[in-house]
Amino acid sequence: MNTFAYASLFACLLASTTASGQDIDAVTMLARTTPQQCHNAFNASSAASSCRNARMEVWDQTNCTIYVDCLRNDGKTTGNRRTVPLPQVSSLRNCDGLLC
């Protein structure tokens, strides 16, 4: 695909996501995700309040792999590794020690 075609595709995605009032997740997904973006999104999730030692990696340029210890109802912690697309990271919750 030539440069003009990529530019046209990008413009169409930008126009469609902006016109519909949605977040520009499709455009964000075209760019390479960074570990800092993953970390910021995780900090915005409800899981962040009961999960500690978070470490983020980027997998396949657009997905966040999250390594974190989450508190269970019995007071112990469970180690987790979960890979999700960046736009879904802020929706993660702690479900009795498991990221869900």
C-alpha atoms as a PDB file:
ATOM      1  CA  MET A   1       0.000   0.000   0.000  1.00  0.00           C
ATOM      2  CA  ASN A   2       1.458   3.374  -0.926  1.00  0.00           C
ATOM      3  CA  THR A   3       1.798   6.449   1.284  1.00  0.00           C
ATOM      4  CA  PHE A   4      -1.300   8.109  -0.161  1.00  0.00           C
ATOM      5  CA  ALA A   5      -3.413   5.057   0.638  1.00  0.00           C
ATOM      6  CA  TYR A   6      -2.170   4.977   4.243  1.00  0.00           C
ATOM      7  CA  ALA A   7      -2.879   8.694   4.622  1.00  0.00           C
ATOM      8  CA  SER A   8      -6.381   8.220   3.206  1.00  0.00           C
ATOM      9  CA  LEU A   9      -7.080   5.322   5.553  1.00  0.00           C
ATOM     10  CA  PHE A  10      -5.862   7.339   8.532  1.00  0.00           C
ATOM     11  CA  ALA A  11      -8.039  10.320   7.531  1.00  0.00           C
ATOM     12  CA  CYS A  12     -11.109   8.091   7.169  1.00  0.00           C
ATOM     13  CA  LEU A  13     -10.568   6.508  10.574  1.00  0.00           C
ATOM     14  CA  LEU A  14     -10.072   9.887  12.176  1.00  0.00           C
ATOM     15  CA  ALA A  15     -13.195  11.306  10.553  1.00  0.00           C
ATOM     16  CA  SER A  16     -15.377   8.323  11.433  1.00  0.00           C
ATOM     17  CA  THR A  17     -14.349   8.139  15.089  1.00  0.00           C
ATOM     18  CA  THR A  18     -14.519  11.891  15.599  1.00  0.00           C
ATOM     19  CA  ALA A  19     -17.864  12.273  13.826  1.00  0.00           C
ATOM     20  CA  SER A  20     -19.471   9.506  15.861  1.00  0.00           C
ATOM     21  CA  GLY A  21     -18.437  11.116  19.153  1.00  0.00           C
ATOM     22  CA  GLN A  22     -16.411   8.084  20.224  1.00  0.00           C
ATOM     23  CA  ASP A  23     -12.922   8.177  21.617  1.00  0.00           C
ATOM     24  CA  ILE A  24     -10.293   7.992  18.914  1.00  0.00           C
ATOM     25  CA  ASP A  25      -9.355   4.441  19.882  1.00  0.00           C
ATOM     26  CA  ALA A  26      -8.975   3.270  16.275  1.00  0.00           C
ATOM     27  CA  VAL A  27      -6.462   6.016  15.579  1.00  0.00           C
ATOM     28  CA  THR A  28      -4.658   5.298  18.841  1.00  0.00           C
ATOM     29  CA  MET A  29      -4.437   1.653  17.843  1.00  0.00           C
ATOM     30  CA  LEU A  30      -2.631   2.584  14.602  1.00  0.00           C
ATOM     31  CA  ALA A  31       0.208   4.062  16.632  1.00  0.00           C
ATOM     32  CA  ARG A  32       2.554   1.902  18.669  1.00  0.00           C
ATOM     33  CA  THR A  33       1.363   1.562  22.252  1.00  0.00           C
ATOM     34  CA  THR A  34       3.926   2.363  24.958  1.00  0.00           C
ATOM     35  CA  PRO A  35       4.320   0.808  28.422  1.00  0.00           C
ATOM     36  CA  GLN A  36       3.590   4.242  29.919  1.00  0.00           C
ATOM     37  CA  GLN A  37       0.218   4.371  28.129  1.00  0.00           C
ATOM     38  CA  CYS A  38      -0.568   0.928  29.530  1.00  0.00           C
ATOM     39  CA  HIS A  39       0.440   2.035  33.022  1.00  0.00           C
ATOM     40  CA  ASN A  40      -1.648   5.229  32.818  1.00  0.00           C
ATOM     41  CA  ALA A  41      -4.688   3.257  31.656  1.00  0.00           C
ATOM     42  CA  PHE A  42      -4.211   0.713  34.454  1.00  0.00           C
ATOM     43  CA  ASN A  43      -3.997   3.502  37.031  1.00  0.00           C
ATOM     44  CA  ALA A  44      -7.402   4.707  35.795  1.00  0.00           C
ATOM     45  CA  SER A  45      -8.940   1.257  36.408  1.00  0.00           C
ATOM     46  CA  SER A  46     -10.690   0.189  39.598  1.00  0.00           C
ATOM     47  CA  ALA A  47      -8.164  -2.674  39.881  1.00  0.00           C
ATOM     48  CA  ALA A  48      -5.366  -0.203  40.596  1.00  0.00           C
ATOM     49  CA  SER A  49      -6.685   0.443  44.117  1.00  0.00           C
ATOM     50  CA  SER A  50      -6.223  -3.193  45.213  1.00  0.00           C
ATOM     51  CA  CYS A  51      -3.448  -4.463  42.928  1.00  0.00           C
ATOM     52  CA  ARG A  52       0.246  -3.712  43.478  1.00  0.00           C
ATOM     53  CA  ASN A  53       3.662  -4.079  41.841  1.00  0.00           C
ATOM     54  CA  ALA A  54       2.268  -3.436  38.373  1.00  0.00           C
ATOM     55  CA  ARG A  55       4.660  -3.990  35.485  1.00  0.00           C
ATOM     56  CA  MET A  56       3.628  -3.313  31.910  1.00  0.00           C
ATOM     57  CA  GLU A  57       4.876  -4.613  28.583  1.00  0.00           C
ATOM     58  CA  VAL A  58       3.610  -4.000  25.078  1.00  0.00           C
ATOM     59  CA  TRP A  59       2.698  -7.027  23.003  1.00  0.00           C
ATOM     60  CA  ASP A  60       2.033  -6.906  19.268  1.00  0.00           C
ATOM     61  CA  GLN A  61       2.338  -3.082  19.256  1.00  0.00           C
ATOM     62  CA  THR A  62      -1.238  -2.430  20.465  1.00  0.00           C
ATOM     63  CA  ASN A  63      -1.825  -4.725  23.456  1.00  0.00           C
ATOM     64  CA  CYS A  64      -0.772  -4.272  27.053  1.00  0.00           C
ATOM     65  CA  THR A  65       0.544  -7.218  29.031  1.00  0.00           C
ATOM     66  CA  ILE A  66       0.022  -6.485  32.710  1.00  0.00           C
ATOM     67  CA  TYR A  67       1.870  -8.275  35.501  1.00  0.00           C
ATOM     68  CA  VAL A  68       0.359  -7.409  38.868  1.00  0.00           C
ATOM     69  CA  ASP A  69      -0.357  -8.823  42.345  1.00  0.00           C
ATOM     70  CA  CYS A  70      -4.002  -8.397  43.357  1.00  0.00           C
ATOM     71  CA  LEU A  71      -5.490  -8.629  46.841  1.00  0.00           C
ATOM     72  CA  ARG A  72      -7.975 -11.444  47.455  1.00  0.00           C
ATOM     73  CA  ASN A  73     -10.912 -11.332  49.867  1.00  0.00           C
ATOM     74  CA  ASP A  74      -8.957 -13.485  52.369  1.00  0.00           C
ATOM     75  CA  GLY A  75      -6.133 -10.913  52.501  1.00  0.00           C
ATOM     76  CA  LYS A  76      -3.646 -12.905  50.422  1.00  0.00           C
ATOM     77  CA  THR A  77      -2.473 -11.834  46.975  1.00  0.00           C
ATOM     78  CA  THR A  78      -2.567 -13.542  43.601  1.00  0.00           C
ATOM     79  CA  GLY A  79      -0.096 -12.910  40.798  1.00  0.00           C
ATOM     80  CA  ASN A  80      -1.688 -12.055  37.471  1.00  0.00           C
ATOM     81  CA  ARG A  81      -0.571 -11.784  33.882  1.00  0.00           C
ATOM     82  CA  ARG A  82      -3.175 -10.457  31.469  1.00  0.00           C
ATOM     83  CA  THR A  83      -2.881  -9.180  27.888  1.00  0.00           C
ATOM     84  CA  VAL A  84      -5.615  -6.839  26.656  1.00  0.00           C
ATOM     85  CA  PRO A  85      -5.929  -4.085  24.041  1.00  0.00           C
ATOM     86  CA  LEU A  86      -5.002  -0.648  25.394  1.00  0.00           C
ATOM     87  CA  PRO A  87      -8.602   0.730  25.272  1.00  0.00           C
ATOM     88  CA  GLN A  88      -9.768  -2.098  27.577  1.00  0.00           C
ATOM     89  CA  VAL A  89      -7.098  -1.683  30.270  1.00  0.00           C
ATOM     90  CA  SER A  90      -8.942   1.077  32.145  1.00  0.00           C
ATOM     91  CA  SER A  91     -11.971  -1.262  32.500  1.00  0.00           C
ATOM     92  CA  LEU A  92     -10.062  -3.953  34.402  1.00  0.00           C
ATOM     93  CA  ARG A  93     -11.304  -4.896  37.875  1.00  0.00           C
ATOM     94  CA  ASN A  94     -10.016  -6.998  40.735  1.00  0.00           C
ATOM     95  CA  CYS A  95     -12.289 -10.045  41.037  1.00  0.00           C
ATOM     96  CA  ASP A  96     -11.112 -11.676  44.280  1.00  0.00           C
ATOM     97  CA  GLY A  97      -7.465 -11.513  43.277  1.00  0.00           C
ATOM     98  CA  LEU A  98      -7.918 -12.032  39.546  1.00  0.00           C
ATOM     99  CA  LEU A  99      -7.947  -9.324  36.900  1.00  0.00           C
ATOM    100  CA  CYS A 100     -11.254  -9.421  35.092  1.00  0.00           C
END
